[in-house]
Amino acid sequence: MPKMKTHKSAVKRYKVTATGKIMRRQAGIGHLLQNKSGSRKRKIFKMITISGSHFKLISKELPYKKYAR
């Protein structure tokens, strides 16, 4: 059987924790930061876990999930 390939854009976008959760960046930090409040920007800059409904889909793109040490 051939090996499964990892989706390379998924590797760049998601990080896997030691417990197996998948973390992602939040939207809205690319540009137009001047008119966003400081508290809003502080919340946006943090990584968050993906929702349960997306976990199965993203897990298919990352067949060899390993957490970053």
N, C-alpha and C. Protein backbone atom coordinates (compact mmCIF):
# COMPACT_ATOMS: atom_id res chain seq x y z
N MET A 1 0.83 -1.19 0.00
CA MET A 1 0.00 0.00 0.00
C MET A 1 0.87 1.25 0.00
N PRO A 2 0.47 2.26 -0.75
CA PRO A 2 1.24 3.51 -0.73
C PRO A 2 1.02 4.27 0.58
N LYS A 3 1.98 5.11 0.90
CA LYS A 3 1.85 5.92 2.11
C LYS A 3 0.82 7.02 1.89
N MET A 4 0.19 7.44 2.99
CA MET A 4 -0.73 8.58 2.92
C MET A 4 0.08 9.86 2.93
N LYS A 5 -0.39 10.86 2.20
CA LYS A 5 0.32 12.13 2.15
C LYS A 5 -0.34 13.14 3.08
N THR A 6 0.51 13.93 3.74
CA THR A 6 0.05 15.00 4.61
C THR A 6 -0.28 16.21 3.76
N HIS A 7 -1.39 16.87 4.06
CA HIS A 7 -1.77 18.10 3.36
C HIS A 7 -0.87 19.21 3.87
N LYS A 8 0.00 19.74 3.00
CA LYS A 8 1.05 20.65 3.45
C LYS A 8 0.52 21.98 3.96
N SER A 9 -0.59 22.47 3.42
CA SER A 9 -1.11 23.74 3.94
C SER A 9 -1.69 23.54 5.34
N ALA A 10 -2.20 22.34 5.63
CA ALA A 10 -2.72 22.06 6.97
C ALA A 10 -1.60 22.02 7.99
N VAL A 11 -0.44 21.52 7.60
CA VAL A 11 0.71 21.46 8.51
C VAL A 11 1.12 22.87 8.91
N LYS A 12 1.05 23.81 7.96
CA LYS A 12 1.46 25.18 8.23
C LYS A 12 0.42 25.93 9.07
N ARG A 13 -0.84 25.54 8.98
CA ARG A 13 -1.91 26.27 9.66
C ARG A 13 -2.22 25.77 11.05
N TYR A 14 -2.02 24.50 11.31
CA TYR A 14 -2.44 23.90 12.58
C TYR A 14 -1.27 23.35 13.36
N LYS A 15 -1.38 23.39 14.69
CA LYS A 15 -0.39 22.80 15.58
C LYS A 15 -1.12 21.79 16.47
N VAL A 16 -0.48 20.66 16.73
CA VAL A 16 -1.08 19.63 17.57
C VAL A 16 -0.43 19.68 18.95
N THR A 17 -1.25 19.70 20.00
CA THR A 17 -0.73 19.73 21.36
C THR A 17 -0.35 18.32 21.81
N ALA A 18 0.28 18.23 22.95
CA ALA A 18 0.71 16.93 23.48
C ALA A 18 -0.49 16.05 23.83
N THR A 19 -1.63 16.66 24.13
CA THR A 19 -2.82 15.88 24.47
C THR A 19 -3.64 15.51 23.24
N GLY A 20 -3.21 15.98 22.05
CA GLY A 20 -3.90 15.61 20.82
C GLY A 20 -4.88 16.64 20.30
N LYS A 21 -5.00 17.77 20.97
CA LYS A 21 -5.89 18.82 20.48
C LYS A 21 -5.21 19.55 19.32
N ILE A 22 -6.01 20.13 18.44
CA ILE A 22 -5.48 20.86 17.30
C ILE A 22 -5.76 22.34 17.51
N MET A 23 -4.70 23.15 17.44
CA MET A 23 -4.80 24.58 17.67
C MET A 23 -4.72 25.31 16.33
N ARG A 24 -5.40 26.46 16.26
CA ARG A 24 -5.36 27.29 15.05
C ARG A 24 -5.29 28.75 15.42
N ARG A 25 -4.87 29.57 14.45
CA ARG A 25 -4.86 31.03 14.61
C ARG A 25 -6.27 31.55 14.46
N GLN A 26 -6.54 32.70 15.03
CA GLN A 26 -7.84 33.32 14.85
C GLN A 26 -7.80 34.28 13.66
N ALA A 27 -8.93 34.49 13.06
CA ALA A 27 -9.04 35.41 11.93
C ALA A 27 -9.04 36.85 12.43
N GLY A 28 -8.62 37.76 11.57
CA GLY A 28 -8.75 39.17 11.87
C GLY A 28 -7.48 39.85 12.33
N ILE A 29 -6.31 39.18 12.22
CA ILE A 29 -5.07 39.84 12.67
C ILE A 29 -4.15 40.17 11.51
N GLY A 30 -4.64 40.04 10.29
CA GLY A 30 -3.79 40.30 9.13
C GLY A 30 -3.58 41.76 8.85
N HIS A 31 -4.63 42.57 8.98
CA HIS A 31 -4.53 43.98 8.64
C HIS A 31 -5.65 44.73 9.35
N LEU A 32 -5.67 46.05 9.15
CA LEU A 32 -6.66 46.95 9.77
C LEU A 32 -6.64 46.86 11.30
N LEU A 33 -5.45 46.79 11.88
CA LEU A 33 -5.32 46.68 13.33
C LEU A 33 -5.41 48.05 14.01
N GLN A 34 -5.28 49.11 13.24
CA GLN A 34 -5.27 50.46 13.80
C GLN A 34 -6.59 50.82 14.46
N ASN A 35 -7.70 50.36 13.86
CA ASN A 35 -9.00 50.74 14.40
C ASN A 35 -9.62 49.66 15.28
N LYS A 36 -8.85 48.66 15.67
CA LYS A 36 -9.34 47.65 16.60
C LYS A 36 -8.80 47.98 17.99
N SER A 37 -9.61 47.72 19.00
CA SER A 37 -9.19 48.05 20.36
C SER A 37 -8.09 47.11 20.83
N GLY A 38 -7.36 47.54 21.84
CA GLY A 38 -6.26 46.73 22.37
C GLY A 38 -6.75 45.42 22.95
N SER A 39 -7.87 45.46 23.65
CA SER A 39 -8.39 44.23 24.26
C SER A 39 -8.84 43.24 23.19
N ARG A 40 -9.42 43.76 22.11
CA ARG A 40 -9.84 42.89 21.01
C ARG A 40 -8.64 42.24 20.34
N LYS A 41 -7.56 43.02 20.13
CA LYS A 41 -6.36 42.49 19.50
C LYS A 41 -5.68 41.44 20.38
N ARG A 42 -5.67 41.66 21.70
CA ARG A 42 -5.05 40.69 22.61
C ARG A 42 -5.78 39.35 22.55
N LYS A 43 -7.10 39.40 22.43
CA LYS A 43 -7.87 38.15 22.33
C LYS A 43 -7.62 37.45 21.01
N ILE A 44 -7.51 38.23 19.94
CA ILE A 44 -7.34 37.66 18.60
C ILE A 44 -5.97 37.02 18.42
N PHE A 45 -4.93 37.56 19.05
CA PHE A 45 -3.58 37.05 18.81
C PHE A 45 -3.33 35.68 19.42
N LYS A 46 -4.20 35.22 20.30
CA LYS A 46 -4.00 33.91 20.94
C LYS A 46 -4.48 32.78 20.03
N MET A 47 -3.86 31.62 20.19
CA MET A 47 -4.29 30.42 19.47
C MET A 47 -5.48 29.81 20.20
N ILE A 48 -6.41 29.22 19.44
CA ILE A 48 -7.56 28.56 20.04
C ILE A 48 -7.68 27.15 19.47
N THR A 49 -8.41 26.30 20.18
CA THR A 49 -8.61 24.93 19.68
C THR A 49 -9.70 24.94 18.63
N ILE A 50 -9.62 24.00 17.70
CA ILE A 50 -10.64 23.92 16.66
C ILE A 50 -11.90 23.30 17.24
N SER A 51 -13.01 23.53 16.57
CA SER A 51 -14.29 23.01 17.05
C SER A 51 -14.35 21.50 16.81
N GLY A 52 -15.21 20.85 17.55
CA GLY A 52 -15.36 19.40 17.42
C GLY A 52 -15.84 18.95 16.06
N SER A 53 -16.65 19.79 15.41
CA SER A 53 -17.17 19.44 14.10
C SER A 53 -16.08 19.45 13.03
N HIS A 54 -15.02 20.23 13.22
CA HIS A 54 -13.93 20.28 12.25
C HIS A 54 -12.79 19.31 12.58
N PHE A 55 -12.81 18.71 13.75
CA PHE A 55 -11.69 17.87 14.18
C PHE A 55 -11.47 16.69 13.22
N LYS A 56 -12.54 16.04 12.81
CA LYS A 56 -12.43 14.87 11.94
C LYS A 56 -11.89 15.26 10.56
N LEU A 57 -12.36 16.40 10.05
CA LEU A 57 -11.92 16.86 8.73
C LEU A 57 -10.43 17.20 8.72
N ILE A 58 -9.99 17.91 9.74
CA ILE A 58 -8.59 18.33 9.79
C ILE A 58 -7.69 17.15 10.12
N SER A 59 -8.20 16.20 10.88
CA SER A 59 -7.41 15.01 11.20
C SER A 59 -7.11 14.18 9.96
N LYS A 60 -8.01 14.22 8.98
CA LYS A 60 -7.77 13.51 7.72
C LYS A 60 -6.62 14.14 6.95
N GLU A 61 -6.49 15.46 7.06
CA GLU A 61 -5.40 16.16 6.38
C GLU A 61 -4.07 15.95 7.08
N LEU A 62 -4.10 15.58 8.35
CA LEU A 62 -2.88 15.33 9.14
C LEU A 62 -2.84 13.88 9.57
N PRO A 63 -2.54 12.95 8.65
CA PRO A 63 -2.60 11.53 9.03
C PRO A 63 -1.51 11.13 10.03
N TYR A 64 -0.39 11.84 10.04
CA TYR A 64 0.70 11.51 10.95
C TYR A 64 0.84 12.63 11.96
N LYS A 65 -0.17 12.78 12.81
CA LYS A 65 -0.18 13.87 13.78
C LYS A 65 0.89 13.64 14.84
N LYS A 66 1.75 14.61 14.97
CA LYS A 66 2.74 14.61 16.04
C LYS A 66 2.76 16.01 16.61
N TYR A 67 2.89 16.10 17.92
CA TYR A 67 2.88 17.43 18.51
C TYR A 67 4.26 18.05 18.42
N ALA A 68 4.29 19.36 18.38
CA ALA A 68 5.55 20.11 18.31
C ALA A 68 6.20 20.11 19.68
N ARG A 69 7.45 19.72 19.77
CA ARG A 69 8.14 19.66 21.05
C ARG A 69 8.81 20.97 21.38
